[in-house]
Structure formats: structure tokens, C-alpha cells
Amino acid sequence: MSNNQLLDKLDGLVSRFEEVSLLVTDPSVIADQQRYVKLSREYKELEDVLAARKEYIQCLQGIDEARQMLLEDDPEMKEMAREELAECERRQPELEEKIKLLLIPKDPEDARNAVLEIRGGTGGDEAALFAGDLFKMYQRYCESKGWQVSVQSFSEGAVGGFKEIVCMVTGENVYGTLKYESGVHRVQRVPATETQGRVHTSAATVAVLPEADEFEVHINEGEIKWDTFRSSGAGGQNVNKVESGVRLRYMWKNPNTGVTDEILIECTETRDQPKNKERALSRLRSYIYDKEHQKYVDDIASRRKTLVSTGDRSAKIRTYNYPQGRITDHRINYTIYNLAAFMNGDIQDCIDHLIIAENAERMKESEL
């Protein structure tokens, strides 16, 4: 894409930014929460693009001015012009790449918080242990990002780990980062339960769902059936004597399939029953939102050549090989040999490679 084409594309966004700037201050728009949130996100995105446009124009002007200065007779002026020209020409391709990335249509879900679900798959007790290891890995990664992780429900394995654990992750751009982790994670290692020292293959599934806002999902709360029960585990006498745990049942018709399903959600996160009810409702909204938007996700996936961020939770995405200390992400043929650090939460490099691969694919689709 030539400079003029890129600038033309950017110039076309100026009037839209001015329009959105007025709309987000309009009382009628503010009263419509769904529209206001959507426009606020668009405003932030356009603001970032136009800031990069301003920087890019200054760079192009710097190149023109430096070339004019090179025509001067003054040696000192020429030297200054050469330095300025070299710096601007170095920055120009960097700014162009930055702008192209900003112009890629963003997934509107990316800025959301996320529900992270990890379940032991094939492999019995060892699968539950591996699910526990994955949870610790994500917990440490989230800590490094400054994100908050709150466990909403869990079922422990017989020898440790988790048969299933569900948590809410809150912070900046959580879903846009963690969505790449959805899928089947396979582990190859000698299980703690193995007496012969043989390497076994087990698996755990990870699902990352965008958190839904209240106004995006219609739930008839009068049709929810609530049960309460006593929580188990650590927490003192109160946990065992008070029915603080909640369980909701909700019959929901999937608009994509026409099938009516019973949704069952438990929450024992806090000792406060109303708070557990609130969090169970939040999970119900996220579950329904995810299912209703699955057709949208599938349509995007079918148009892409890569398997990056398709949302296909049945796809084997990564192998953790303990004897070789190796991690392989099968979507992008990414292999590294720092398994100990990776399992300690050092997963950003892998996620960065996945983001680059997806952005390259989306650039092709956008003809940038």
C-alpha cells in the first residue's frame, strides 16, 4: 500500500471520529447503554488511529523538509538534514506497520473480561493433575499482567489437581489475550501415579469465554430455579454450617440450533449467598452470550486459513513434553525448550507469536 493510499484511508476516518466524539456526549446515546458502550470503544480505537496518523504525517513532513535542507550550501545544515532524514526514513516503515495493525478490524470481544474454564480430559487422575498445573500456570501469568483471578467453582481430583475449575479473570484486554488458549492441551510425562516410570499422554481442555454485560443477554430470572447448599473445603465453621453455596438451573433455547438445554451452574466462591448468586448469574450470562455468538465465531474461523483463535475447543492446540522439556503449539509450529519457565506462567512469547500470526492473516483479509 502506497503512502497516498494509506493516508487516504486515514483521512476517511477523521470525519467519523468527529461524529463519534459528538455522539458519546449525546444524552440520548448515554441513556442507551448498549449503544454508548459500543461507541465508546469505537471512539478509543479511532483516537489511537488518528494519533498514529498525526505522527505519520509529521514523519513524512520531516522527510520533505530534510530533503529541502540538503539543497542548502551550509555544511552544518546539510549534516543536520542528513541526520533528520535518516531518522525519519527509519521511523516511516515502523509507523506504517503500526497503522496497518491499528486499521485491522478489531474483535469487539477483545476488551472484555473472561471466564476461564479448565477441565481434565482423557487420562484420569493424571489429567486432573495436569488441569491443576494449567490453572497454576494461568494464575501466575495473570499475576504478571496485574489481572485479578477469582475462582467461582471447582471439583478436585482424587489425587490432587482439578476435574474442573472455573474462574473469572478481570483486567485490561483479558479476553483478547487469553482467547488463544481455548482448545485441548496435551501433556506427555511420567505421572506421579505411575510406578513403572512410563511416559503417559493425557489431556485437559481450556475454554475462554468473553464476559457478557447484563444488557446484552436476555434472561427471564423468574424461570431460574435456585438451590442452596453447604460449601465444602477450607474456610472455617461458617462454610460448613451456612448454606452459602448456590446452584441455578435454567432452561434455555439455543437460537442457532433450536434445541432447549438445561444449564446448571454452581458457585461457592464466597461465604455470602447473595454474592454467590450474583456471580452465578454472571456466569449464566457469559455462557448464553458465548453460545449465541458461536455462529459468528464459526463464520470467522471458516474464512481464515490459520487455526489461530478460532474458538474450536475440540482442536489439539499445544503439547507439553516433560521428558524433552519442550512445548509445541501446533497452530503455528512454535516450539521452545523452556517448559519449567512456561509452566511457571512465562507464556507471553507464545501468545505474542499467535497474535502476530493472526494479525498477518487479518491483514491479508483487509488487503492492507
Protein backbone atom coordinates (compact mmCIF):
# COMPACT_ATOMS: atom_id res chain seq x y z
CA MET A 1 0.00 0.00 0.00
CA SER A 2 1.48 3.33 -1.06
CA ASN A 3 1.82 6.35 1.24
CA ASN A 4 -1.05 8.11 -0.53
CA GLN A 5 -3.36 5.08 -0.21
CA LEU A 6 -2.57 4.78 3.49
CA LEU A 7 -3.17 8.49 4.07
CA ASP A 8 -6.41 8.37 2.07
CA LYS A 9 -7.63 5.53 4.28
CA LEU A 10 -6.68 7.52 7.40
CA ASP A 11 -8.20 10.78 6.14
CA GLY A 12 -11.53 8.99 5.69
CA LEU A 13 -11.63 8.26 9.43
CA VAL A 14 -11.33 11.90 10.57
CA SER A 15 -14.99 12.76 9.91
CA ARG A 16 -16.13 9.52 11.59
CA PHE A 17 -14.06 10.37 14.67
CA GLU A 18 -15.67 13.83 14.84
CA GLU A 19 -19.12 12.24 14.50
CA VAL A 20 -18.46 9.67 17.26
CA SER A 21 -16.99 12.39 19.51
CA LEU A 22 -20.36 14.20 19.37
CA LEU A 23 -22.44 11.05 19.76
CA VAL A 24 -20.75 9.90 23.01
CA THR A 25 -21.79 13.19 24.65
CA ASP A 26 -25.40 12.99 23.43
CA PRO A 27 -27.80 12.33 26.38
CA SER A 28 -29.99 10.03 24.26
CA VAL A 29 -26.95 7.88 23.40
CA ILE A 30 -25.75 7.80 27.02
CA ALA A 31 -29.23 6.59 28.03
CA ASP A 32 -28.89 3.66 25.59
CA GLN A 33 -26.17 1.71 27.42
CA GLN A 34 -25.57 -0.86 24.69
CA ARG A 35 -25.04 1.82 22.02
CA TYR A 36 -22.98 4.01 24.37
CA VAL A 37 -20.56 1.19 25.22
CA LYS A 38 -20.15 0.32 21.52
CA LEU A 39 -19.49 3.94 20.54
CA SER A 40 -17.07 4.45 23.45
CA ARG A 41 -14.99 1.51 22.22
CA GLU A 42 -15.05 2.90 18.67
CA TYR A 43 -14.01 6.33 19.97
CA LYS A 44 -10.95 4.85 21.75
CA GLU A 45 -9.94 2.86 18.67
CA LEU A 46 -10.29 5.87 16.35
CA GLU A 47 -8.40 8.05 18.82
CA ASP A 48 -5.42 5.66 18.70
CA VAL A 49 -5.50 5.51 14.88
CA LEU A 50 -5.64 9.30 14.46
CA ALA A 51 -2.81 9.79 16.97
CA ALA A 52 -0.70 7.45 14.80
CA ARG A 53 -1.86 9.38 11.69
CA LYS A 54 -0.61 12.67 13.20
CA GLU A 55 2.76 11.09 13.98
CA TYR A 56 2.97 9.62 10.47
CA ILE A 57 2.19 12.95 8.78
CA GLN A 58 4.87 14.65 10.91
CA CYS A 59 7.34 11.97 9.80
CA LEU A 60 6.53 12.48 6.10
CA GLN A 61 6.82 16.25 6.52
CA GLY A 62 10.18 15.74 8.25
CA ILE A 63 11.44 13.79 5.22
CA ASP A 64 10.33 16.53 2.82
CA GLU A 65 11.90 19.29 4.95
CA ALA A 66 15.18 17.38 5.35
CA ARG A 67 15.43 16.88 1.58
CA GLN A 68 14.89 20.60 1.06
CA MET A 69 17.63 21.40 3.61
CA LEU A 70 20.06 19.16 1.72
CA LEU A 71 19.89 21.67 -1.13
CA GLU A 72 21.36 24.39 1.13
CA ASP A 73 25.01 25.44 0.88
CA ASP A 74 25.63 25.47 4.65
CA PRO A 75 27.61 22.27 5.60
CA GLU A 76 26.20 22.24 9.15
CA MET A 77 22.64 22.48 7.83
CA LYS A 78 23.34 19.62 5.42
CA GLU A 79 24.69 17.45 8.24
CA MET A 80 21.61 18.17 10.37
CA ALA A 81 19.38 17.41 7.39
CA ARG A 82 21.12 14.06 6.77
CA GLU A 83 20.60 13.02 10.39
CA GLU A 84 16.96 14.11 10.34
CA LEU A 85 16.34 12.32 7.02
CA ALA A 86 17.93 9.09 8.28
CA GLU A 87 15.82 9.15 11.46
CA CYS A 88 12.55 9.87 9.65
CA GLU A 89 13.21 7.23 6.98
CA ARG A 90 13.92 4.71 9.76
CA ARG A 91 10.64 5.54 11.52
CA GLN A 92 8.46 5.64 8.40
CA PRO A 93 8.10 1.83 7.85
CA GLU A 94 7.64 1.31 11.61
CA LEU A 95 4.77 3.82 11.67
CA GLU A 96 3.23 2.31 8.55
CA GLU A 97 3.26 -1.15 10.16
CA LYS A 98 1.76 0.27 13.36
CA ILE A 99 -1.03 1.98 11.41
CA LYS A 100 -1.81 -1.14 9.38
CA LEU A 101 -2.21 -3.11 12.61
CA LEU A 102 -4.49 -0.40 14.04
CA LEU A 103 -6.60 -0.46 10.87
CA ILE A 104 -7.30 -4.20 11.15
CA PRO A 105 -10.96 -4.59 12.20
CA LYS A 106 -10.84 -5.43 15.88
CA ASP A 107 -12.75 -8.23 17.52
CA PRO A 108 -15.29 -6.33 19.66
CA GLU A 109 -14.94 -9.02 22.33
CA ASP A 110 -11.21 -8.43 22.93
CA ALA A 111 -11.54 -5.72 25.59
CA ARG A 112 -13.81 -7.86 27.79
CA ASN A 113 -13.04 -9.74 30.97
CA ALA A 114 -13.06 -13.52 30.56
CA VAL A 115 -14.42 -16.69 32.12
CA LEU A 116 -11.64 -19.31 32.18
CA GLU A 117 -12.73 -22.96 32.39
CA ILE A 118 -10.22 -25.82 32.73
CA ARG A 119 -11.30 -29.47 32.72
CA GLY A 120 -9.35 -32.70 33.00
CA GLY A 121 -9.84 -34.77 29.84
CA THR A 122 -8.52 -38.20 28.92
CA GLY A 123 -6.05 -39.62 31.41
CA GLY A 124 -7.99 -39.97 34.68
CA ASP A 125 -6.10 -38.80 37.79
CA GLU A 126 -3.15 -37.58 35.72
CA ALA A 127 -5.48 -35.39 33.60
CA ALA A 128 -6.81 -33.78 36.78
CA LEU A 129 -3.24 -33.14 37.99
CA PHE A 130 -2.38 -31.55 34.63
CA ALA A 131 -5.54 -29.39 34.78
CA GLY A 132 -4.27 -28.18 38.17
CA ASP A 133 -0.86 -27.40 36.66
CA LEU A 134 -2.52 -25.40 33.87
CA PHE A 135 -4.55 -23.43 36.39
CA LYS A 136 -1.36 -22.53 38.33
CA MET A 137 0.29 -21.53 35.04
CA TYR A 138 -2.55 -19.16 34.12
CA GLN A 139 -2.79 -17.85 37.67
CA ARG A 140 0.90 -16.85 37.64
CA TYR A 141 0.58 -15.37 34.15
CA CYS A 142 -2.42 -13.28 35.23
CA GLU A 143 -0.49 -12.06 38.29
CA SER A 144 2.33 -10.90 36.00
CA LYS A 145 -0.23 -8.93 33.94
CA GLY A 146 -1.83 -7.35 37.01
CA TRP A 147 -5.13 -9.17 36.37
CA GLN A 148 -7.44 -10.44 39.10
CA VAL A 149 -8.39 -14.13 39.19
CA SER A 150 -11.41 -15.21 41.25
CA VAL A 151 -12.32 -18.89 41.42
CA GLN A 152 -16.07 -19.42 41.02
CA SER A 153 -16.33 -23.19 41.32
CA PHE A 154 -14.09 -26.24 41.29
CA SER A 155 -14.12 -30.01 41.66
CA GLU A 156 -10.89 -31.55 42.98
CA GLY A 157 -9.28 -34.68 41.57
CA ALA A 158 -8.90 -37.83 43.69
CA VAL A 159 -5.12 -37.39 44.00
CA GLY A 160 -4.96 -33.62 43.54
CA GLY A 161 -5.45 -31.09 40.78
CA PHE A 162 -8.93 -30.42 39.41
CA LYS A 163 -11.51 -32.39 37.50
CA GLU A 164 -12.89 -28.94 36.67
CA ILE A 165 -12.20 -25.36 37.75
CA VAL A 166 -13.98 -22.19 36.63
CA CYS A 167 -12.72 -18.69 37.36
CA MET A 168 -13.31 -15.08 36.31
CA VAL A 169 -10.32 -13.07 35.08
CA THR A 170 -10.67 -9.28 35.18
CA GLY A 171 -8.30 -6.66 33.80
CA GLU A 172 -7.33 -4.89 30.59
CA ASN A 173 -7.83 -6.74 27.28
CA VAL A 174 -8.18 -10.08 29.09
CA TYR A 175 -10.29 -11.95 26.53
CA GLY A 176 -8.25 -10.58 23.61
CA THR A 177 -5.16 -12.17 25.16
CA LEU A 178 -6.44 -15.40 26.71
CA LYS A 179 -8.73 -16.39 23.81
CA TYR A 180 -5.74 -18.06 22.13
CA GLU A 181 -5.67 -20.63 24.95
CA SER A 182 -9.02 -22.26 24.08
CA GLY A 183 -8.60 -25.85 22.97
CA VAL A 184 -7.13 -29.20 24.00
CA HIS A 185 -3.80 -29.11 25.83
CA ARG A 186 -1.89 -32.42 25.72
CA VAL A 187 0.79 -33.48 28.21
CA GLN A 188 3.40 -36.22 27.84
CA ARG A 189 5.14 -37.16 31.09
CA VAL A 190 5.62 -39.85 33.74
CA PRO A 191 2.60 -39.43 36.05
CA ALA A 192 3.03 -39.26 39.80
CA THR A 193 0.67 -42.26 39.89
CA GLU A 194 2.90 -44.36 37.57
CA THR A 195 5.13 -46.92 39.30
CA GLN A 196 6.89 -48.30 36.17
CA GLY A 197 8.35 -44.95 35.04
CA ARG A 198 6.49 -45.00 31.70
CA VAL A 199 5.57 -41.82 29.85
CA HIS A 200 1.80 -41.33 29.55
CA THR A 201 -0.21 -38.96 27.37
CA SER A 202 -3.09 -37.10 29.00
CA ALA A 203 -5.13 -34.04 28.12
CA ALA A 204 -7.08 -31.14 29.58
CA THR A 205 -9.44 -28.77 27.82
CA VAL A 206 -9.38 -25.00 28.24
CA ALA A 207 -12.31 -22.75 27.33
CA VAL A 208 -12.07 -18.95 27.43
CA LEU A 209 -15.40 -17.13 27.18
CA PRO A 210 -15.95 -13.36 26.93
CA GLU A 211 -17.82 -11.96 29.91
CA ALA A 212 -21.26 -10.71 28.88
CA ASP A 213 -22.77 -7.41 30.01
CA GLU A 214 -26.22 -7.55 31.60
CA PHE A 215 -27.97 -5.70 28.80
CA GLU A 216 -26.60 -7.98 26.06
CA VAL A 217 -28.31 -11.18 27.18
CA HIS A 218 -32.00 -11.57 27.98
CA ILE A 219 -32.63 -13.90 30.91
CA ASN A 220 -36.04 -14.42 32.48
CA GLU A 221 -34.88 -14.51 36.10
CA GLY A 222 -38.33 -15.70 37.20
CA GLU A 223 -37.67 -19.01 35.41
CA ILE A 224 -34.38 -19.68 37.21
CA LYS A 225 -34.59 -22.47 39.81
CA TRP A 226 -32.27 -21.82 42.75
CA ASP A 227 -30.91 -24.33 45.26
CA THR A 228 -28.62 -23.62 48.19
CA PHE A 229 -26.15 -25.98 49.85
CA ARG A 230 -23.31 -26.01 52.30
CA SER A 231 -19.89 -25.37 50.79
CA SER A 232 -17.07 -27.79 51.50
CA GLY A 233 -13.35 -27.27 51.95
CA ALA A 234 -11.32 -24.67 53.80
CA GLY A 235 -12.98 -21.62 55.28
CA GLY A 236 -13.78 -22.40 58.90
CA GLN A 237 -17.01 -23.34 60.63
CA ASN A 238 -19.13 -20.81 58.74
CA VAL A 239 -18.56 -22.54 55.41
CA ASN A 240 -19.72 -25.90 56.72
CA LYS A 241 -22.72 -24.67 58.77
CA VAL A 242 -24.25 -22.00 56.48
CA GLU A 243 -25.85 -22.74 53.10
CA SER A 244 -23.80 -20.16 51.21
CA GLY A 245 -23.26 -22.23 48.06
CA VAL A 246 -25.79 -21.68 45.27
CA ARG A 247 -26.90 -23.76 42.30
CA LEU A 248 -29.02 -22.42 39.44
CA ARG A 249 -30.94 -24.35 36.79
CA TYR A 250 -32.20 -22.56 33.70
CA MET A 251 -33.96 -23.89 30.60
CA TRP A 252 -32.62 -22.02 27.56
CA LYS A 253 -33.44 -22.37 23.87
CA ASN A 254 -30.38 -22.02 21.63
CA PRO A 255 -31.39 -19.68 18.74
CA ASN A 256 -28.72 -21.24 16.48
CA THR A 257 -29.92 -24.85 16.88
CA GLY A 258 -33.47 -24.52 18.22
CA VAL A 259 -32.62 -27.04 20.95
CA THR A 260 -33.62 -26.34 24.56
CA ASP A 261 -30.91 -27.12 27.10
CA GLU A 262 -30.88 -27.16 30.88
CA ILE A 263 -27.99 -25.03 32.13
CA LEU A 264 -26.63 -25.96 35.56
CA ILE A 265 -24.23 -23.59 37.34
CA GLU A 266 -22.81 -23.77 40.86
CA CYS A 267 -20.95 -21.05 42.75
CA THR A 268 -19.26 -21.43 46.15
CA GLU A 269 -16.77 -18.62 45.72
CA THR A 270 -17.69 -16.56 48.79
CA ARG A 271 -19.37 -17.10 52.18
CA ASP A 272 -22.04 -14.61 51.15
CA GLN A 273 -25.01 -16.26 49.42
CA PRO A 274 -26.22 -13.08 47.58
CA LYS A 275 -22.72 -12.56 46.15
CA ASN A 276 -22.59 -16.18 45.00
CA LYS A 277 -25.99 -15.70 43.32
CA GLU A 278 -24.73 -12.59 41.55
CA ARG A 279 -21.63 -14.42 40.29
CA ALA A 280 -23.63 -17.45 39.19
CA LEU A 281 -25.88 -15.09 37.16
CA SER A 282 -22.78 -13.51 35.61
CA ARG A 283 -21.57 -16.96 34.52
CA LEU A 284 -25.02 -17.77 33.10
CA ARG A 285 -24.95 -14.56 31.02
CA SER A 286 -21.45 -15.35 29.74
CA TYR A 287 -22.44 -18.92 28.87
CA ILE A 288 -25.52 -17.83 26.90
CA TYR A 289 -23.65 -14.95 25.24
CA ASP A 290 -20.93 -17.35 24.13
CA LYS A 291 -23.40 -19.86 22.69
CA GLU A 292 -25.41 -17.19 20.86
CA HIS A 293 -22.22 -15.78 19.33
CA GLN A 294 -20.76 -19.17 18.37
CA LYS A 295 -22.15 -18.89 14.83
CA TYR A 296 -20.34 -15.56 14.47
CA VAL A 297 -17.11 -17.18 15.73
CA ASP A 298 -17.55 -20.17 13.38
CA ASP A 299 -18.08 -17.87 10.39
CA ILE A 300 -14.83 -16.03 11.15
CA ALA A 301 -12.97 -19.32 11.61
CA SER A 302 -14.20 -20.71 8.29
CA ARG A 303 -12.83 -17.66 6.46
CA ARG A 304 -9.36 -17.95 7.97
CA LYS A 305 -6.57 -20.17 6.75
CA THR A 306 -4.98 -20.32 10.19
CA LEU A 307 -6.31 -22.12 13.25
CA VAL A 308 -5.28 -19.26 15.49
CA SER A 309 -8.05 -18.02 17.77
CA THR A 310 -10.83 -19.94 16.02
CA GLY A 311 -12.62 -20.81 19.24
CA ASP A 312 -12.63 -24.52 18.29
CA ARG A 313 -12.37 -26.13 21.71
CA SER A 314 -12.02 -29.66 20.31
CA ALA A 315 -8.79 -28.85 18.45
CA LYS A 316 -5.48 -30.02 19.94
CA ILE A 317 -3.56 -26.78 20.18
CA ARG A 318 -0.47 -27.48 22.30
CA THR A 319 1.72 -30.32 23.58
CA TYR A 320 3.74 -30.17 26.81
CA ASN A 321 6.51 -32.79 26.61
CA TYR A 322 8.19 -33.13 30.01
CA PRO A 323 10.98 -35.65 29.13
CA GLN A 324 12.28 -33.24 26.45
CA GLY A 325 11.36 -30.04 28.32
CA ARG A 326 9.51 -28.98 25.17
CA ILE A 327 6.33 -27.03 24.38
CA THR A 328 4.89 -27.12 20.86
CA ASP A 329 1.97 -25.00 19.68
CA HIS A 330 0.59 -26.92 16.69
CA ARG A 331 -1.30 -23.97 15.16
CA ILE A 332 1.86 -22.05 14.24
CA ASN A 333 4.56 -24.77 14.57
CA TYR A 334 6.03 -22.88 17.51
CA THR A 335 8.44 -24.94 19.63
CA ILE A 336 10.50 -23.88 22.64
CA TYR A 337 12.51 -25.76 25.25
CA ASN A 338 11.79 -23.83 28.45
CA LEU A 339 8.94 -25.90 29.85
CA ALA A 340 9.71 -25.14 33.52
CA ALA A 341 9.50 -21.36 32.94
CA PHE A 342 6.42 -21.79 30.73
CA MET A 343 4.57 -23.75 33.41
CA ASN A 344 5.56 -21.01 35.86
CA GLY A 345 3.49 -18.51 33.84
CA ASP A 346 6.05 -17.33 31.25
CA ILE A 347 3.67 -17.80 28.29
CA GLN A 348 3.68 -14.29 26.80
CA ASP A 349 6.16 -15.10 23.99
CA CYS A 350 3.91 -17.90 22.71
CA ILE A 351 0.83 -15.64 22.86
CA ASP A 352 2.77 -12.89 21.02
CA HIS A 353 3.59 -15.32 18.20
CA LEU A 354 -0.09 -16.32 17.98
CA ILE A 355 -1.15 -12.65 17.83
CA ILE A 356 1.39 -11.96 15.05
CA ALA A 357 0.15 -14.97 13.06
CA GLU A 358 -3.47 -13.88 13.40
CA ASN A 359 -2.70 -10.25 12.54
CA ALA A 360 -0.83 -11.35 9.40
CA GLU A 361 -3.89 -13.34 8.33
CA ARG A 362 -6.25 -10.46 9.08
CA MET A 363 -4.04 -8.03 7.16
CA LYS A 364 -4.43 -10.24 4.09
CA GLU A 365 -8.20 -10.29 4.54
CA SER A 366 -8.27 -6.48 4.91
CA GLU A 367 -5.95 -6.01 1.89
CA LEU A 368 -3.62 -3.79 3.92
